[in-house]
PDB file of N, CA and C in Angstrom:
ATOM      1  N   MET A   1      98.986  85.039  82.346  1.00  0.00           N
ATOM      2  CA  MET A   1      98.661  86.572  82.539  1.00  0.00           C
ATOM      3  C   MET A   1      99.966  87.254  82.361  1.00  0.00           C
ATOM      4  N   THR A   2      99.552  88.408  81.571  1.00  0.00           N
ATOM      5  CA  THR A   2     100.837  89.438  81.543  1.00  0.00           C
ATOM      6  C   THR A   2     100.610  90.600  82.400  1.00  0.00           C
ATOM      7  N   LEU A   3     101.769  90.949  82.824  1.00  0.00           N
ATOM      8  CA  LEU A   3     101.848  92.081  83.641  1.00  0.00           C
ATOM      9  C   LEU A   3     102.263  93.281  82.732  1.00  0.00           C
ATOM     10  N   ASP A   4     101.512  94.484  82.549  1.00  0.00           N
ATOM     11  CA  ASP A   4     101.414  95.336  81.926  1.00  0.00           C
ATOM     12  C   ASP A   4     102.367  96.829  82.571  1.00  0.00           C
ATOM     13  N   ILE A   5     103.426  97.199  81.968  1.00  0.00           N
ATOM     14  CA  ILE A   5     104.008  98.547  82.538  1.00  0.00           C
ATOM     15  C   ILE A   5     103.172  99.803  82.805  1.00  0.00           C
ATOM     16  N   ASN A   6     102.092  99.783  81.617  1.00  0.00           N
ATOM     17  CA  ASN A   6     101.033 101.239  81.788  1.00  0.00           C
ATOM     18  C   ASN A   6      99.916 100.740  82.944  1.00  0.00           C
ATOM     19  N   ASP A   7      99.842  99.575  83.509  1.00  0.00           N
ATOM     20  CA  ASP A   7      99.014  99.614  85.054  1.00  0.00           C
ATOM     21  C   ASP A   7     100.187  99.730  86.250  1.00  0.00           C
ATOM     22  N   LEU A   8     101.055  99.829  85.898  1.00  0.00           N
ATOM     23  CA  LEU A   8     102.182  99.689  87.114  1.00  0.00           C
ATOM     24  C   LEU A   8     102.506 101.328  87.103  1.00  0.00           C
ATOM     25  N   LYS A   9     102.541 102.158  86.038  1.00  0.00           N
ATOM     26  CA  LYS A   9     103.099 103.359  86.054  1.00  0.00           C
ATOM     27  C   LYS A   9     102.263 104.236  86.962  1.00  0.00           C
ATOM     28  N   PRO A  10     101.038 104.300  86.845  1.00  0.00           N
ATOM     29  CA  PRO A  10     100.273 105.022  88.083  1.00  0.00           C
ATOM     30  C   PRO A  10     100.676 104.534  89.481  1.00  0.00           C
ATOM     31  N   LEU A  11     100.443 103.604  89.628  1.00  0.00           N
ATOM     32  CA  LEU A  11     100.792 103.102  90.823  1.00  0.00           C
ATOM     33  C   LEU A  11     102.045 103.615  91.451  1.00  0.00           C
ATOM     34  N   LEU A  12     102.905 103.782  90.615  1.00  0.00           N
ATOM     35  CA  LEU A  12     104.447 104.705  91.002  1.00  0.00           C
ATOM     36  C   LEU A  12     104.287 105.994  90.864  1.00  0.00           C
ATOM     37  N   GLY A  13     102.900 106.558  90.368  1.00  0.00           N
ATOM     38  CA  GLY A  13     103.138 108.052  90.244  1.00  0.00           C
ATOM     39  C   GLY A  13     103.663 108.559  89.126  1.00  0.00           C
ATOM     40  N   LEU A  14     103.570 107.906  88.111  1.00  0.00           N
ATOM     41  CA  LEU A  14     104.236 108.086  86.732  1.00  0.00           C
ATOM     42  C   LEU A  14     103.302 108.240  85.423  1.00  0.00           C
ATOM     43  N   GLU A  15     103.431 109.047  84.691  1.00  0.00           N
ATOM     44  CA  GLU A  15     102.497 109.219  83.681  1.00  0.00           C
ATOM     45  C   GLU A  15     102.702 108.224  82.873  1.00  0.00           C
ATOM     46  N   VAL A  16     101.306 107.674  82.215  1.00  0.00           N
ATOM     47  CA  VAL A  16     101.401 106.671  81.295  1.00  0.00           C
ATOM     48  C   VAL A  16     102.355 107.013  80.009  1.00  0.00           C
ATOM     49  N   THR A  17     102.121 108.039  79.715  1.00  0.00           N
ATOM     50  CA  THR A  17     102.616 108.412  78.709  1.00  0.00           C
ATOM     51  C   THR A  17     104.082 108.741  78.611  1.00  0.00           C
ATOM     52  N   ASP A  18     105.075 108.936  80.010  1.00  0.00           N
ATOM     53  CA  ASP A  18     106.336 109.014  80.279  1.00  0.00           C
ATOM     54  C   ASP A  18     106.930 107.705  79.784  1.00  0.00           C
ATOM     55  N   THR A  19     107.863 107.462  78.957  1.00  0.00           N
ATOM     56  CA  THR A  19     108.810 106.095  78.564  1.00  0.00           C
ATOM     57  C   THR A  19     110.027 106.193  79.074  1.00  0.00           C
ATOM     58  N   SER A  20     110.341 107.063  79.739  1.00  0.00           N
ATOM     59  CA  SER A  20     111.799 107.226  80.221  1.00  0.00           C
ATOM     60  C   SER A  20     112.279 106.188  80.808  1.00  0.00           C
ATOM     61  N   LYS A  21     111.160 105.387  81.620  1.00  0.00           N
ATOM     62  CA  LYS A  21     111.617 104.313  82.517  1.00  0.00           C
ATOM     63  C   LYS A  21     110.957 102.980  82.070  1.00  0.00           C
ATOM     64  N   ASP A  22     110.531 102.947  81.082  1.00  0.00           N
ATOM     65  CA  ASP A  22     109.830 101.718  80.194  1.00  0.00           C
ATOM     66  C   ASP A  22     110.856 100.420  80.501  1.00  0.00           C
ATOM     67  N   SER A  23     112.130 100.377  79.916  1.00  0.00           N
ATOM     68  CA  SER A  23     112.941  99.472  80.207  1.00  0.00           C
ATOM     69  C   SER A  23     113.106  99.021  81.597  1.00  0.00           C
ATOM     70  N   VAL A  24     113.162  99.877  82.238  1.00  0.00           N
ATOM     71  CA  VAL A  24     113.266  99.816  83.823  1.00  0.00           C
ATOM     72  C   VAL A  24     112.168  98.915  84.432  1.00  0.00           C
ATOM     73  N   LEU A  25     110.952  99.421  83.933  1.00  0.00           N
ATOM     74  CA  LEU A  25     110.033  98.871  84.482  1.00  0.00           C
ATOM     75  C   LEU A  25     109.438  97.344  83.823  1.00  0.00           C
ATOM     76  N   THR A  26     109.921  97.218  82.719  1.00  0.00           N
ATOM     77  CA  THR A  26     109.792  95.898  81.849  1.00  0.00           C
ATOM     78  C   THR A  26     110.621  94.883  82.676  1.00  0.00           C
ATOM     79  N   PHE A  27     111.860  95.486  83.073  1.00  0.00           N
ATOM     80  CA  PHE A  27     112.581  94.682  83.984  1.00  0.00           C
ATOM     81  C   PHE A  27     112.081  94.260  85.197  1.00  0.00           C
ATOM     82  N   VAL A  28     111.732  95.135  85.906  1.00  0.00           N
ATOM     83  CA  VAL A  28     111.144  95.043  87.469  1.00  0.00           C
ATOM     84  C   VAL A  28     110.098  93.840  87.258  1.00  0.00           C
ATOM     85  N   LEU A  29     108.905  94.178  86.293  1.00  0.00           N
ATOM     86  CA  LEU A  29     107.860  93.342  85.940  1.00  0.00           C
ATOM     87  C   LEU A  29     108.152  91.839  85.334  1.00  0.00           C
ATOM     88  N   GLY A  30     109.422  91.709  84.852  1.00  0.00           N
ATOM     89  CA  GLY A  30     109.681  90.232  84.564  1.00  0.00           C
ATOM     90  C   GLY A  30     110.325  89.709  85.579  1.00  0.00           C
ATOM     91  N   ASN A  31     110.916  90.308  86.241  1.00  0.00           N
ATOM     92  CA  ASN A  31     111.793  89.885  87.740  1.00  0.00           C
ATOM     93  C   ASN A  31     110.757  89.351  88.626  1.00  0.00           C
ATOM     94  N   VAL A  32     109.713  90.238  88.714  1.00  0.00           N
ATOM     95  CA  VAL A  32     108.379  89.854  89.724  1.00  0.00           C
ATOM     96  C   VAL A  32     107.698  88.632  89.107  1.00  0.00           C
ATOM     97  N   ALA A  33     107.704  88.657  87.999  1.00  0.00           N
ATOM     98  CA  ALA A  33     107.063  87.214  87.345  1.00  0.00           C
ATOM     99  C   ALA A  33     107.724  86.189  87.340  1.00  0.00           C
ATOM    100  N   GLU A  34     109.542  86.326  87.389  1.00  0.00           N
ATOM    101  CA  GLU A  34     110.204  85.109  87.320  1.00  0.00           C
ATOM    102  C   GLU A  34     110.261  84.638  88.818  1.00  0.00           C
ATOM    103  N   VAL A  35     109.855  85.666  89.679  1.00  0.00           N
ATOM    104  CA  VAL A  35     110.100  85.012  91.335  1.00  0.00           C
ATOM    105  C   VAL A  35     108.862  84.435  91.649  1.00  0.00           C
ATOM    106  N   ILE A  36     107.859  84.958  91.115  1.00  0.00           N
ATOM    107  CA  ILE A  36     106.498  84.089  91.402  1.00  0.00           C
ATOM    108  C   ILE A  36     106.427  82.977  90.839  1.00  0.00           C
ATOM    109  N   CYS A  37     106.895  82.898  89.484  1.00  0.00           N
ATOM    110  CA  CYS A  37     106.694  81.421  88.574  1.00  0.00           C
ATOM    111  C   CYS A  37     107.898  80.570  89.337  1.00  0.00           C
ATOM    112  N   ASN A  38     108.854  80.852  89.768  1.00  0.00           N
ATOM    113  CA  ASN A  38     110.112  80.151  90.318  1.00  0.00           C
ATOM    114  C   ASN A  38     109.393  79.428  91.820  1.00  0.00           C
ATOM    115  N   TYR A  39     108.784  80.371  92.503  1.00  0.00           N
ATOM    116  CA  TYR A  39     108.543  79.915  93.676  1.00  0.00           C
ATOM    117  C   TYR A  39     107.232  78.946  93.885  1.00  0.00           C
ATOM    118  N   CYS A  40     106.275  79.329  93.051  1.00  0.00           N
ATOM    119  CA  CYS A  40     105.154  78.643  92.787  1.00  0.00           C
ATOM    120  C   CYS A  40     105.326  77.372  91.902  1.00  0.00           C
ATOM    121  N   HIS A  41     106.457  77.231  91.192  1.00  0.00           N
ATOM    122  CA  HIS A  41     106.447  76.494  90.198  1.00  0.00           C
ATOM    123  C   HIS A  41     105.235  75.923  89.116  1.00  0.00           C
ATOM    124  N   ILE A  42     105.401  77.467  88.747  1.00  0.00           N
ATOM    125  CA  ILE A  42     104.205  77.183  87.582  1.00  0.00           C
ATOM    126  C   ILE A  42     104.490  78.241  86.678  1.00  0.00           C
ATOM    127  N   ALA A  43     104.140  78.308  85.496  1.00  0.00           N
ATOM    128  CA  ALA A  43     104.573  78.467  84.123  1.00  0.00           C
ATOM    129  C   ALA A  43     104.253  80.044  83.952  1.00  0.00           C
ATOM    130  N   GLU A  44     102.911  80.346  84.537  1.00  0.00           N
ATOM    131  CA  GLU A  44     102.743  81.915  84.140  1.00  0.00           C
ATOM    132  C   GLU A  44     101.945  82.521  85.511  1.00  0.00           C
ATOM    133  N   VAL A  45     101.948  83.975  85.528  1.00  0.00           N
ATOM    134  CA  VAL A  45     101.498  84.501  87.026  1.00  0.00           C
ATOM    135  C   VAL A  45      99.956  84.216  86.816  1.00  0.00           C
ATOM    136  N   PRO A  46      99.207  83.697  87.622  1.00  0.00           N
ATOM    137  CA  PRO A  46      97.771  83.581  87.373  1.00  0.00           C
ATOM    138  C   PRO A  46      97.213  84.944  87.831  1.00  0.00           C
ATOM    139  N   ARG A  47      95.791  84.912  87.418  1.00  0.00           N
ATOM    140  CA  ARG A  47      94.832  86.325  87.467  1.00  0.00           C
ATOM    141  C   ARG A  47      94.924  86.379  88.903  1.00  0.00           C
ATOM    142  N   GLY A  48      94.737  85.654  89.803  1.00  0.00           N
ATOM    143  CA  GLY A  48      94.667  85.730  91.365  1.00  0.00           C
ATOM    144  C   GLY A  48      96.093  85.950  92.103  1.00  0.00           C
ATOM    145  N   LEU A  49      97.214  86.349  91.381  1.00  0.00           N
ATOM    146  CA  LEU A  49      98.226  86.886  91.930  1.00  0.00           C
ATOM    147  C   LEU A  49      98.490  88.241  91.041  1.00  0.00           C
ATOM    148  N   GLU A  50      97.668  88.851  90.661  1.00  0.00           N
ATOM    149  CA  GLU A  50      97.895  90.091  89.720  1.00  0.00           C
ATOM    150  C   GLU A  50      98.303  91.177  90.465  1.00  0.00           C
ATOM    151  N   TYR A  51      97.357  91.597  91.683  1.00  0.00           N
ATOM    152  CA  TYR A  51      97.612  92.625  92.587  1.00  0.00           C
ATOM    153  C   TYR A  51      98.843  92.472  93.450  1.00  0.00           C
ATOM    154  N   THR A  52      99.069  91.007  93.876  1.00  0.00           N
ATOM    155  CA  THR A  52     100.237  90.919  94.671  1.00  0.00           C
ATOM    156  C   THR A  52     101.633  91.117  93.688  1.00  0.00           C
ATOM    157  N   ALA A  53     101.635  90.561  92.347  1.00  0.00           N
ATOM    158  CA  ALA A  53     102.564  91.040  91.284  1.00  0.00           C
ATOM    159  C   ALA A  53     102.828  92.627  91.529  1.00  0.00           C
ATOM    160  N   TYR A  54     101.732  93.169  91.271  1.00  0.00           N
ATOM    161  CA  TYR A  54     101.925  94.610  91.291  1.00  0.00           C
ATOM    162  C   TYR A  54     102.852  95.186  92.493  1.00  0.00           C
ATOM    163  N   ARG A  55     102.301  95.074  93.584  1.00  0.00           N
ATOM    164  CA  ARG A  55     102.633  95.264  94.666  1.00  0.00           C
ATOM    165  C   ARG A  55     104.254  94.731  95.162  1.00  0.00           C
ATOM    166  N   MET A  56     104.566  93.893  94.555  1.00  0.00           N
ATOM    167  CA  MET A  56     106.155  93.327  94.435  1.00  0.00           C
ATOM    168  C   MET A  56     106.617  94.070  93.945  1.00  0.00           C
ATOM    169  N   ALA A  57     106.098  94.499  92.400  1.00  0.00           N
ATOM    170  CA  ALA A  57     106.933  95.484  91.644  1.00  0.00           C
ATOM    171  C   ALA A  57     107.508  96.350  92.330  1.00  0.00           C
ATOM    172  N   MET A  58     106.116  97.120  92.826  1.00  0.00           N
ATOM    173  CA  MET A  58     106.227  98.406  93.252  1.00  0.00           C
ATOM    174  C   MET A  58     107.491  98.713  94.348  1.00  0.00           C
ATOM    175  N   ASP A  59     107.481  97.578  95.221  1.00  0.00           N
ATOM    176  CA  ASP A  59     108.181  97.461  96.407  1.00  0.00           C
ATOM    177  C   ASP A  59     109.573  97.098  95.780  1.00  0.00           C
ATOM    178  N   LEU A  60     109.986  96.491  94.813  1.00  0.00           N
ATOM    179  CA  LEU A  60     111.123  96.192  94.198  1.00  0.00           C
ATOM    180  C   LEU A  60     111.655  97.413  93.621  1.00  0.00           C
ATOM    181  N   TYR A  61     110.996  98.268  92.751  1.00  0.00           N
ATOM    182  CA  TYR A  61     111.312  99.451  91.815  1.00  0.00           C
ATOM    183  C   TYR A  61     111.585 100.355  93.431  1.00  0.00           C
ATOM    184  N   ARG A  62     110.953 100.892  94.200  1.00  0.00           N
ATOM    185  CA  ARG A  62     111.174 101.880  95.162  1.00  0.00           C
ATOM    186  C   ARG A  62     112.348 101.593  96.084  1.00  0.00           C
ATOM    187  N   ASN A  63     112.523 100.128  96.708  1.00  0.00           N
ATOM    188  CA  ASN A  63     113.279  99.907  97.549  1.00  0.00           C
ATOM    189  C   ASN A  63     114.825  99.454  97.077  1.00  0.00           C
ATOM    190  N   GLU A  64     115.081  99.184  95.724  1.00  0.00           N
ATOM    191  CA  GLU A  64     116.109  98.751  95.192  1.00  0.00           C
ATOM    192  C   GLU A  64     116.513  99.726  94.345  1.00  0.00           C
ATOM    193  N   GLY A  65     115.849 100.817  94.129  1.00  0.00           N
ATOM    194  CA  GLY A  65     116.158 102.146  93.173  1.00  0.00           C
ATOM    195  C   GLY A  65     116.943 101.629  91.922  1.00  0.00           C
ATOM    196  N   ILE A  66     116.326 100.634  91.288  1.00  0.00           N
ATOM    197  CA  ILE A  66     116.486 100.056  90.230  1.00  0.00           C
ATOM    198  C   ILE A  66     116.353 101.364  88.818  1.00  0.00           C
ATOM    199  N   GLY A  67     117.654 101.483  88.272  1.00  0.00           N
ATOM    200  CA  GLY A  67     117.412 102.226  87.259  1.00  0.00           C
ATOM    201  C   GLY A  67     118.194 103.599  87.507  1.00  0.00           C
ATOM    202  N   GLU A  68     118.326 103.962  88.890  1.00  0.00           N
ATOM    203  CA  GLU A  68     118.771 105.219  89.315  1.00  0.00           C
ATOM    204  C   GLU A  68     120.061 105.404  89.181  1.00  0.00           C
ATOM    205  N   ALA A  69     120.835 106.193  88.878  1.00  0.00           N
ATOM    206  CA  ALA A  69     122.423 106.295  88.677  1.00  0.00           C
ATOM    207  C   ALA A  69     122.828 106.531  90.196  1.00  0.00           C
ATOM    208  N   ASP A  70     123.724 105.397  90.560  1.00  0.00           N
ATOM    209  CA  ASP A  70     124.213 105.860  91.780  1.00  0.00           C
ATOM    210  C   ASP A  70     125.742 106.750  91.620  1.00  0.00           C
ATOM    211  N   SER A  71     125.504 107.869  92.191  1.00  0.00           N
ATOM    212  CA  SER A  71     126.816 108.511  91.989  1.00  0.00           C
ATOM    213  C   SER A  71     127.578 109.069  93.321  1.00  0.00           C
ATOM    214  N   GLU A  72     128.583 109.521  93.066  1.00  0.00           N
ATOM    215  CA  GLU A  72     129.163 109.896  94.608  1.00  0.00           C
ATOM    216  C   GLU A  72     128.375 111.204  95.133  1.00  0.00           C
ATOM    217  N   ASP A  73     127.789 111.598  94.199  1.00  0.00           N
ATOM    218  CA  ASP A  73     127.249 112.722  94.849  1.00  0.00           C
ATOM    219  C   ASP A  73     125.634 112.483  95.594  1.00  0.00           C
ATOM    220  N   THR A  74     125.490 111.351  95.147  1.00  0.00           N
ATOM    221  CA  THR A  74     123.914 110.821  95.895  1.00  0.00           C
ATOM    222  C   THR A  74     124.259 110.082  97.194  1.00  0.00           C
ATOM    223  N   PRO A  75     123.951 110.400  98.033  1.00  0.00           N
ATOM    224  CA  PRO A  75     124.521 109.667  99.339  1.00  0.00           C
ATOM    225  C   PRO A  75     123.385 108.476  99.354  1.00  0.00           C
ATOM    226  N   GLY A  76     123.725 107.467 100.081  1.00  0.00           N
ATOM    227  CA  GLY A  76     122.991 106.491 100.494  1.00  0.00           C
ATOM    228  C   GLY A  76     121.874 106.885 101.758  1.00  0.00           C
ATOM    229  N   ARG A  77     121.414 105.739 101.988  1.00  0.00           N
ATOM    230  CA  ARG A  77     120.361 106.256 103.165  1.00  0.00           C
ATOM    231  C   ARG A  77     120.981 106.255 104.574  1.00  0.00           C
ATOM    232  N   VAL A  78     120.479 107.212 105.467  1.00  0.00           N
ATOM    233  CA  VAL A  78     121.121 107.745 106.624  1.00  0.00           C
ATOM    234  C   VAL A  78     121.354 106.252 107.633  1.00  0.00           C
ATOM    235  N   THR A  79     122.515 106.329 107.976  1.00  0.00           N
ATOM    236  CA  THR A  79     122.750 105.367 109.263  1.00  0.00           C
ATOM    237  C   THR A  79     122.812 105.982 110.746  1.00  0.00           C
ATOM    238  N   SER A  80     123.280 107.144 110.846  1.00  0.00           N
ATOM    239  CA  SER A  80     123.495 107.740 111.966  1.00  0.00           C
ATOM    240  C   SER A  80     123.271 109.323 111.857  1.00  0.00           C
ATOM    241  N   ILE A  81     122.703 109.967 113.063  1.00  0.00           N
ATOM    242  CA  ILE A  81     123.025 111.480 113.002  1.00  0.00           C
ATOM    243  C   ILE A  81     123.318 111.519 114.690  1.00  0.00           C
ATOM    244  N   ASP A  82     124.357 112.677 114.382  1.00  0.00           N
ATOM    245  CA  ASP A  82     124.626 112.938 116.062  1.00  0.00           C
ATOM    246  C   ASP A  82     124.408 114.620 115.738  1.00  0.00           C
ATOM    247  N   GLU A  83     123.767 114.839 117.060  1.00  0.00           N
ATOM    248  CA  GLU A  83     123.544 116.500 116.859  1.00  0.00           C
ATOM    249  C   GLU A  83     124.168 117.238 117.550  1.00  0.00           C
ATOM    250  N   GLY A  84     125.395 116.928 118.309  1.00  0.00           N
ATOM    251  CA  GLY A  84     126.177 117.936 118.940  1.00  0.00           C
ATOM    252  C   GLY A  84     127.306 117.981 117.687  1.00  0.00           C
ATOM    253  N   ASP A  85     127.667 119.219 117.234  1.00  0.00           N
ATOM    254  CA  ASP A  85     128.350 119.696 115.993  1.00  0.00           C
ATOM    255  C   ASP A  85     127.854 118.754 114.835  1.00  0.00           C
ATOM    256  N   VAL A  86     126.392 118.209 114.151  1.00  0.00           N
ATOM    257  CA  VAL A  86     125.802 118.098 113.632  1.00  0.00           C
ATOM    258  C   VAL A  86     126.857 116.959 112.403  1.00  0.00           C
ATOM    259  N   LYS A  87     126.431 115.849 113.068  1.00  0.00           N
ATOM    260  CA  LYS A  87     127.104 114.768 112.086  1.00  0.00           C
ATOM    261  C   LYS A  87     126.118 113.983 111.443  1.00  0.00           C
ATOM    262  N   THR A  88     126.082 113.399 110.273  1.00  0.00           N
ATOM    263  CA  THR A  88     125.269 112.523 109.759  1.00  0.00           C
ATOM    264  C   THR A  88     126.076 111.581 108.839  1.00  0.00           C
ATOM    265  N   SER A  89     125.732 110.169 108.968  1.00  0.00           N
ATOM    266  CA  SER A  89     126.557 109.238 108.382  1.00  0.00           C
ATOM    267  C   SER A  89     125.677 108.635 107.492  1.00  0.00           C
ATOM    268  N   PHE A  90     126.079 108.254 106.125  1.00  0.00           N
ATOM    269  CA  PHE A  90     125.264 107.864 105.006  1.00  0.00           C
ATOM    270  C   PHE A  90     125.860 106.282 104.966  1.00  0.00           C
ATOM    271  N   ALA A  91     124.874 105.459 104.585  1.00  0.00           N
ATOM    272  CA  ALA A  91     125.228 104.088 104.020  1.00  0.00           C
ATOM    273  C   ALA A  91     126.083 104.155 102.633  1.00  0.00           C
ATOM    274  N   ALA A  92     127.224 103.248 102.170  1.00  0.00           N
ATOM    275  CA  ALA A  92     127.650 103.364 100.986  1.00  0.00           C
ATOM    276  C   ALA A  92     126.701 103.145  99.828  1.00  0.00           C
ATOM    277  N   SER A  93     125.817 102.329  99.967  1.00  0.00           N
ATOM    278  CA  SER A  93     124.635 102.386  99.137  1.00  0.00           C
ATOM    279  C   SER A  93     123.554 102.263  99.521  1.00  0.00           C
ATOM    280  N   ARG A  94     122.470 102.558  98.519  1.00  0.00           N
ATOM    281  CA  ARG A  94     120.982 102.764  98.976  1.00  0.00           C
ATOM    282  C   ARG A  94     120.327 101.311  99.072  1.00  0.00           C
ATOM    283  N   PHE A  95     121.245 100.328  98.714  1.00  0.00           N
ATOM    284  CA  PHE A  95     120.683  98.747  98.664  1.00  0.00           C
ATOM    285  C   PHE A  95     120.723  98.256  99.850  1.00  0.00           C
ATOM    286  N   ASP A  96     119.824  97.922 100.677  1.00  0.00           N
ATOM    287  CA  ASP A  96     119.489  97.350 101.911  1.00  0.00           C
ATOM    288  C   ASP A  96     119.058  95.774 101.625  1.00  0.00           C
ATOM    289  N   ILE A  97     120.162  95.121 102.095  1.00  0.00           N
ATOM    290  CA  ILE A  97     120.069  93.652 101.884  1.00  0.00           C
ATOM    291  C   ILE A  97     118.970  92.799 102.946  1.00  0.00           C
ATOM    292  N   SER A  98     118.576  93.603 103.861  1.00  0.00           N
ATOM    293  CA  SER A  98     117.345  93.101 104.714  1.00  0.00           C
ATOM    294  C   SER A  98     116.448  93.159 104.012  1.00  0.00           C
ATOM    295  N   TYR A  99     115.994  94.064 102.928  1.00  0.00           N
ATOM    296  CA  TYR A  99     115.124  94.172 102.344  1.00  0.00           C
ATOM    297  C   TYR A  99     114.861  93.318 101.341  1.00  0.00           C
ATOM    298  N   VAL A 100     115.895  92.824 100.899  1.00  0.00           N
ATOM    299  CA  VAL A 100     116.081  91.685  99.619  1.00  0.00           C
ATOM    300  C   VAL A 100     115.418  90.529 100.454  1.00  0.00           C
ATOM    301  N   HIS A 101     115.926  89.980 101.639  1.00  0.00           N
ATOM    302  CA  HIS A 101     115.514  88.868 102.293  1.00  0.00           C
ATOM    303  C   HIS A 101     114.376  88.662 102.748  1.00  0.00           C
ATOM    304  N   SER A 102     113.482  89.958 103.022  1.00  0.00           N
ATOM    305  CA  SER A 102     112.129  89.689 103.555  1.00  0.00           C
ATOM    306  C   SER A 102     111.214  90.089 102.436  1.00  0.00           C
ATOM    307  N   LEU A 103     111.725  90.556 101.050  1.00  0.00           N
ATOM    308  CA  LEU A 103     110.493  90.682 100.105  1.00  0.00           C
ATOM    309  C   LEU A 103     109.501  89.827  99.846  1.00  0.00           C
ATOM    310  N   LEU A 104     110.423  88.528  99.647  1.00  0.00           N
ATOM    311  CA  LEU A 104     109.516  87.284  99.495  1.00  0.00           C
ATOM    312  C   LEU A 104     108.536  86.587 100.595  1.00  0.00           C
ATOM    313  N   LYS A 105     109.228  86.902 101.781  1.00  0.00           N
ATOM    314  CA  LYS A 105     108.546  86.594 103.022  1.00  0.00           C
ATOM    315  C   LYS A 105     107.314  87.160 103.298  1.00  0.00           C
ATOM    316  N   VAL A 106     107.104  88.705 102.549  1.00  0.00           N
ATOM    317  CA  VAL A 106     105.959  89.423 102.899  1.00  0.00           C
ATOM    318  C   VAL A 106     104.899  89.070 102.217  1.00  0.00           C
ATOM    319  N   TYR A 107     104.982  88.550 101.156  1.00  0.00           N
ATOM    320  CA  TYR A 107     104.064  87.663 100.117  1.00  0.00           C
ATOM    321  C   TYR A 107     103.785  86.225 100.153  1.00  0.00           C
ATOM    322  N   THR A 108     104.705  85.577 100.754  1.00  0.00           N
ATOM    323  CA  THR A 108     104.295  84.252 100.799  1.00  0.00           C
ATOM    324  C   THR A 108     103.152  83.646 101.469  1.00  0.00           C
ATOM    325  N   PRO A 109     102.014  84.167 102.090  1.00  0.00           N
ATOM    326  CA  PRO A 109     100.866  83.884 102.300  1.00  0.00           C
ATOM    327  C   PRO A 109     100.212  83.972 101.206  1.00  0.00           C
ATOM    328  N   GLN A 110     100.321  84.805 100.322  1.00  0.00           N
ATOM    329  CA  GLN A 110      99.748  84.944  99.115  1.00  0.00           C
ATOM    330  C   GLN A 110     100.038  84.103  97.985  1.00  0.00           C
ATOM    331  N   LEU A 111     101.346  83.825  97.914  1.00  0.00           N
ATOM    332  CA  LEU A 111     102.050  83.109  97.127  1.00  0.00           C
ATOM    333  C   LEU A 111     101.675  81.450  97.396  1.00  0.00           C
ATOM    334  N   ASN A 112     101.530  81.013  98.464  1.00  0.00           N
ATOM    335  CA  ASN A 112     101.558  80.020  98.739  1.00  0.00           C
ATOM    336  C   ASN A 112     100.324  79.069  98.260  1.00  0.00           C
ATOM    337  N   ARG A 113      99.135  79.930  98.193  1.00  0.00           N
ATOM    338  CA  ARG A 113      97.773  79.549  97.828  1.00  0.00           C
ATOM    339  C   ARG A 113      98.015  79.042  96.100  1.00  0.00           C
ATOM    340  N   TYR A 114      98.961  79.282  95.475  1.00  0.00           N
ATOM    341  CA  TYR A 114      99.396  79.135  94.176  1.00  0.00           C
ATOM    342  C   TYR A 114     100.444  78.051  93.794  1.00  0.00           C
ATOM    343  N   ARG A 115     100.838  77.960  94.857  1.00  0.00           N
ATOM    344  CA  ARG A 115     102.503  77.086  94.826  1.00  0.00           C
ATOM    345  C   ARG A 115     102.292  75.538  94.624  1.00  0.00           C
ATOM    346  N   LYS A 116     102.589  75.110  93.827  1.00  0.00           N
ATOM    347  CA  LYS A 116     102.701  73.446  93.680  1.00  0.00           C
ATOM    348  C   LYS A 116     103.986  72.857  94.062  1.00  0.00           C
ATOM    349  N   LEU A 117     103.411  71.630  94.614  1.00  0.00           N
ATOM    350  CA  LEU A 117     104.732  70.854  95.135  1.00  0.00           C
ATOM    351  C   LEU A 117     105.347  69.869  93.926  1.00  0.00           C
ATOM    352  N   VAL A 118     106.672  69.738  94.111  1.00  0.00           N
ATOM    353  CA  VAL A 118     107.524  69.101  92.782  1.00  0.00           C
ATOM    354  C   VAL A 118     108.256  68.095  93.491  1.00  0.00           C
ATOM    355  N   ARG A 119     108.654  67.264  93.028  1.00  0.00           N
ATOM    356  CA  ARG A 119     109.653  65.982  93.437  1.00  0.00           C
ATOM    357  C   ARG A 119     111.045  66.533  93.277  1.00  0.00           C
ATOM    358  N   ASN A 120     111.796  66.219  94.090  1.00  0.00           N
ATOM    359  CA  ASN A 120     113.227  66.592  93.812  1.00  0.00           C
ATOM    360  C   ASN A 120     113.639  66.403  92.289  1.00  0.00           C
ATOM    361  N   ASP A 121     113.611  65.100  91.638  1.00  0.00           N
ATOM    362  CA  ASP A 121     114.052  64.918  90.452  1.00  0.00           C
ATOM    363  C   ASP A 121     113.252  65.341  89.386  1.00  0.00           C
ATOM    364  N   ASP A 122     112.088  66.251  89.635  1.00  0.00           N
ATOM    365  CA  ASP A 122     111.805  67.125  88.448  1.00  0.00           C
ATOM    366  C   ASP A 122     112.256  68.394  88.241  1.00  0.00           C
ATOM    367  N   CYS A 123     112.907  68.755  89.332  1.00  0.00           N
ATOM    368  CA  CYS A 123     113.631  70.093  89.236  1.00  0.00           C
ATOM    369  C   CYS A 123     114.927  70.346  88.470  1.00  0.00           C
TER     370      CYS A 123
END
């Protein structure tokens, strides 16, 4: 099954006719398909994981900020706020490593239904 960026765009609130993020969305869908296939030891994403794949793509796109320019003018996520004399601290980057470690864990129940066992000498 092939994942289509025109199915992903509305889920992200993007117009299907907007092609400005097509290369980023193609990368995201390819990355998700690769993760699913590698984890499950399969050649292609099965139809039964279609919605899971799109949810993973939405999470990947939104949480990693793929394709967004990181500039010094764009602060990262807020790490602390002090109210006396108003002080706000930002993370150096929008990238959250805890998210990366949790992404696959969130979807393992769905992915495990399609996971095939392989012998060590097959890897």
